[in-house]
Amino acid sequence: LMKSSDYRVVDEGVAKYESYPEETAEAWKVLQNHKDKLEEDAKEKLRALLGEENPKAIDKVLPDFVKYGTALDDQREEVKDRRAALVKNATTEMQNMIDDGAATITQLTEMLERYMMWPSDIDTPMEALKKKKQDKIEDAEKKMKAALSGSDVEQVDLCLKEFEAYEKELGSLLKRLASHRGYLQDTIFDRVKAAMHFKK
């Protein structure tokens, strides 16, 4: 028992031998000290969880401390409070981004990636973020397709400038726009050249 790392076994031993004859009191005290040490080590591990930034890391470890019964109730509650605070802060941050009309595709992507590995507690705001990102992409595609169907070089340039950072999401349309711009420039050049030739 003195070397056991199984808290339940040690705890049962302390309870079992507490009422034994006085001659075993010294051994019982050593066993009690061993139990206290196991509790202190467990408390230290729980305190370390207070520094975690992802609730999943807490979820993975916290069930291991159920075996300590009421001995670590306060410490477990602190860790649960920390987990709740992490989820609340993440949800608030995501909701602020959802409500921000000026949020860019890049900002939405970064936030989605930041919370991608979090537990299901944040599924609702995550889905809302994904929808907002998709809506932004679809709006961008509409603008770019409108520029593609027109002959306004300035409109094409504005689209290229506005969406050039979104190569990953809009790469194909960006290439088509750049090609369309070249075509429009060539057309304008040919018209100017023809006009000059006509004047001669």
Protein backbone atom coordinates (compact mmCIF):
# COMPACT_ATOMS: atom_id res chain seq x y z
CA LEU A 1 0.00 0.00 0.00
CA MET A 2 2.84 2.39 0.80
CA LYS A 3 4.00 2.26 -2.83
CA SER A 4 0.62 2.12 -4.52
CA SER A 5 -0.36 4.97 -6.80
CA ASP A 6 -3.99 3.85 -6.81
CA TYR A 7 -5.73 6.44 -4.66
CA ARG A 8 -8.84 4.31 -4.08
CA VAL A 9 -6.79 1.42 -2.74
CA VAL A 10 -4.74 3.68 -0.47
CA ASP A 11 -7.85 5.51 0.76
CA GLU A 12 -9.56 2.23 1.58
CA GLY A 13 -6.43 1.12 3.44
CA VAL A 14 -6.37 4.28 5.55
CA ALA A 15 -10.04 3.80 6.48
CA LYS A 16 -9.56 0.09 7.14
CA TYR A 17 -6.52 0.32 9.42
CA GLU A 18 -7.47 3.50 11.29
CA SER A 19 -9.15 1.54 14.09
CA TYR A 20 -6.43 -1.11 14.32
CA PRO A 21 -4.43 -1.59 17.56
CA GLU A 22 -2.08 1.14 18.72
CA GLU A 23 1.02 -0.79 17.64
CA THR A 24 0.04 -0.21 14.00
CA ALA A 25 -0.43 3.52 14.50
CA GLU A 26 2.99 4.40 13.07
CA ALA A 27 2.39 2.38 9.91
CA TRP A 28 -1.06 3.89 9.59
CA LYS A 29 0.42 7.39 9.86
CA VAL A 30 2.87 6.61 7.07
CA LEU A 31 -0.03 5.36 4.96
CA GLN A 32 -2.01 8.52 5.74
CA ASN A 33 0.97 10.64 4.66
CA HIS A 34 1.16 8.64 1.44
CA LYS A 35 -2.52 9.34 0.81
CA ASP A 36 -1.97 13.06 1.48
CA LYS A 37 0.92 13.04 -0.98
CA LEU A 38 -1.24 11.45 -3.68
CA GLU A 39 -3.88 14.11 -3.08
CA GLU A 40 -1.32 16.91 -3.25
CA ASP A 41 0.12 15.57 -6.50
CA ALA A 42 -3.40 15.37 -7.94
CA LYS A 43 -4.13 18.95 -6.85
CA GLU A 44 -0.96 20.10 -8.59
CA LYS A 45 -2.09 18.43 -11.82
CA LEU A 46 -5.49 20.07 -11.52
CA ARG A 47 -3.89 23.46 -10.96
CA ALA A 48 -1.90 22.93 -14.16
CA LEU A 49 -5.19 22.46 -16.05
CA LEU A 50 -6.15 26.02 -15.14
CA GLY A 51 -3.59 27.17 -17.71
CA GLU A 52 -5.09 25.19 -20.58
CA GLU A 53 -6.44 27.16 -23.54
CA ASN A 54 -8.54 24.41 -25.13
CA PRO A 55 -11.44 22.78 -23.25
CA LYS A 56 -10.66 19.50 -25.01
CA ALA A 57 -7.42 19.22 -23.04
CA ILE A 58 -9.43 19.59 -19.83
CA ASP A 59 -12.07 17.09 -20.97
CA LYS A 60 -9.37 14.53 -21.68
CA VAL A 61 -7.89 14.62 -18.17
CA LEU A 62 -10.59 15.75 -15.73
CA PRO A 63 -12.40 12.37 -15.52
CA ASP A 64 -9.20 10.86 -14.12
CA PHE A 65 -9.79 12.75 -10.87
CA VAL A 66 -13.24 11.36 -10.11
CA LYS A 67 -11.57 8.57 -8.09
CA TYR A 68 -10.47 11.15 -5.50
CA GLY A 69 -14.08 11.62 -4.44
CA THR A 70 -14.80 14.73 -2.40
CA ALA A 71 -11.13 15.25 -1.53
CA LEU A 72 -10.58 17.36 -4.65
CA ASP A 73 -14.04 18.86 -5.11
CA ASP A 74 -12.83 22.47 -4.84
CA GLN A 75 -10.01 21.97 -7.33
CA ARG A 76 -12.25 20.16 -9.80
CA GLU A 77 -14.80 22.98 -9.60
CA GLU A 78 -12.07 25.53 -10.36
CA VAL A 79 -11.11 23.58 -13.47
CA LYS A 80 -14.76 23.28 -14.53
CA ASP A 81 -15.12 27.05 -14.07
CA ARG A 82 -12.02 27.58 -16.21
CA ARG A 83 -13.51 25.37 -18.93
CA ALA A 84 -16.81 27.25 -18.81
CA ALA A 85 -14.96 30.57 -19.08
CA LEU A 86 -13.01 29.36 -22.12
CA VAL A 87 -16.21 28.32 -23.88
CA LYS A 88 -17.99 31.56 -22.96
CA ASN A 89 -15.09 33.73 -24.17
CA ALA A 90 -14.79 31.81 -27.43
CA THR A 91 -18.54 32.01 -28.04
CA THR A 92 -18.53 35.77 -27.37
CA GLU A 93 -15.56 36.31 -29.67
CA MET A 94 -17.21 34.34 -32.47
CA GLN A 95 -20.56 36.12 -32.00
CA ASN A 96 -18.81 39.48 -32.25
CA MET A 97 -17.26 38.35 -35.53
CA ILE A 98 -20.64 37.11 -36.79
CA ASP A 99 -22.20 40.51 -35.95
CA ASP A 100 -19.34 42.45 -37.57
CA GLY A 101 -20.45 43.43 -41.05
CA ALA A 102 -16.89 44.43 -41.96
CA ALA A 103 -15.39 41.02 -41.10
CA THR A 104 -13.26 39.75 -43.98
CA ILE A 105 -12.98 36.26 -45.41
CA THR A 106 -9.44 36.09 -43.98
CA GLN A 107 -10.60 37.01 -40.48
CA LEU A 108 -13.42 34.47 -40.62
CA THR A 109 -11.04 31.78 -41.86
CA GLU A 110 -8.52 32.50 -39.10
CA MET A 111 -11.20 32.28 -36.41
CA LEU A 112 -12.61 29.04 -37.83
CA GLU A 113 -9.12 27.53 -37.84
CA ARG A 114 -8.47 28.73 -34.29
CA TYR A 115 -11.50 26.91 -32.88
CA MET A 116 -11.60 24.00 -35.33
CA MET A 117 -10.35 21.47 -32.74
CA TRP A 118 -12.61 22.62 -29.90
CA PRO A 119 -15.41 20.49 -28.42
CA SER A 120 -19.03 20.52 -29.57
CA ASP A 121 -19.99 23.25 -27.05
CA ILE A 122 -19.24 25.84 -29.75
CA ASP A 123 -20.84 24.05 -32.72
CA THR A 124 -23.63 26.63 -33.05
CA PRO A 125 -21.42 29.74 -33.44
CA MET A 126 -18.99 27.72 -35.57
CA GLU A 127 -21.76 26.86 -38.01
CA ALA A 128 -22.83 30.51 -38.08
CA LEU A 129 -19.24 31.55 -38.83
CA LYS A 130 -19.00 29.02 -41.65
CA LYS A 131 -22.24 30.35 -43.14
CA LYS A 132 -21.03 33.93 -42.88
CA LYS A 133 -17.79 33.00 -44.63
CA GLN A 134 -19.68 31.17 -47.38
CA ASP A 135 -22.02 34.15 -47.83
CA LYS A 136 -18.98 36.45 -48.14
CA ILE A 137 -17.44 34.17 -50.75
CA GLU A 138 -20.69 34.03 -52.73
CA ASP A 139 -21.00 37.84 -52.63
CA ALA A 140 -17.42 38.14 -53.88
CA GLU A 141 -18.12 35.65 -56.67
CA LYS A 142 -21.17 37.66 -57.80
CA LYS A 143 -19.10 40.85 -58.00
CA MET A 144 -16.31 39.12 -59.87
CA LYS A 145 -18.68 37.44 -62.34
CA ALA A 146 -20.37 40.78 -62.98
CA ALA A 147 -16.96 42.29 -63.75
CA LEU A 148 -16.16 39.35 -66.01
CA SER A 149 -19.32 39.89 -68.04
CA GLY A 150 -18.64 43.59 -68.53
CA SER A 151 -16.12 45.77 -70.32
CA ASP A 152 -15.30 48.15 -67.46
CA VAL A 153 -11.57 47.90 -66.73
CA GLU A 154 -11.96 50.00 -63.58
CA GLN A 155 -14.55 47.56 -62.19
CA VAL A 156 -12.21 44.65 -62.95
CA ASP A 157 -9.32 46.43 -61.22
CA LEU A 158 -11.45 47.13 -58.15
CA CYS A 159 -12.41 43.45 -57.89
CA LEU A 160 -8.82 42.29 -58.33
CA LYS A 161 -7.67 44.66 -55.60
CA GLU A 162 -10.53 43.84 -53.21
CA PHE A 163 -10.20 40.07 -53.50
CA GLU A 164 -6.52 39.51 -54.28
CA ALA A 165 -5.91 38.24 -50.72
CA TYR A 166 -8.37 35.37 -51.18
CA GLU A 167 -6.39 33.25 -53.63
CA LYS A 168 -7.33 30.07 -51.77
CA GLU A 169 -11.07 30.68 -51.94
CA LEU A 170 -11.34 32.62 -55.22
CA GLY A 171 -8.22 31.62 -57.13
CA SER A 172 -9.99 30.46 -60.29
CA LEU A 173 -12.07 33.62 -60.64
CA LEU A 174 -9.06 35.82 -59.89
CA LYS A 175 -7.17 34.21 -62.77
CA ARG A 176 -10.14 34.68 -65.10
CA LEU A 177 -10.44 38.32 -64.04
CA ALA A 178 -6.75 38.95 -64.66
CA SER A 179 -7.09 37.36 -68.09
CA HIS A 180 -10.23 39.40 -68.79
CA ARG A 181 -8.40 42.57 -67.82
CA GLY A 182 -5.67 41.75 -70.31
CA TYR A 183 -8.28 41.17 -73.00
CA LEU A 184 -9.99 44.50 -72.25
CA GLN A 185 -6.67 46.34 -72.36
CA ASP A 186 -5.79 44.76 -75.70
CA THR A 187 -9.22 45.66 -77.06
CA ILE A 188 -8.85 49.27 -75.95
CA PHE A 189 -5.36 49.42 -77.43
CA ASP A 190 -6.60 48.01 -80.74
CA ARG A 191 -9.44 50.56 -80.85
CA VAL A 192 -7.08 53.44 -80.17
CA LYS A 193 -4.66 52.14 -82.77
CA ALA A 194 -7.46 51.76 -85.33
CA ALA A 195 -8.74 55.25 -84.57
CA MET A 196 -5.28 56.74 -85.06
CA HIS A 197 -4.87 54.83 -88.33
CA PHE A 198 -8.28 56.07 -89.52
CA LYS A 199 -7.30 59.70 -88.85
CA LYS A 200 -4.31 59.33 -91.11
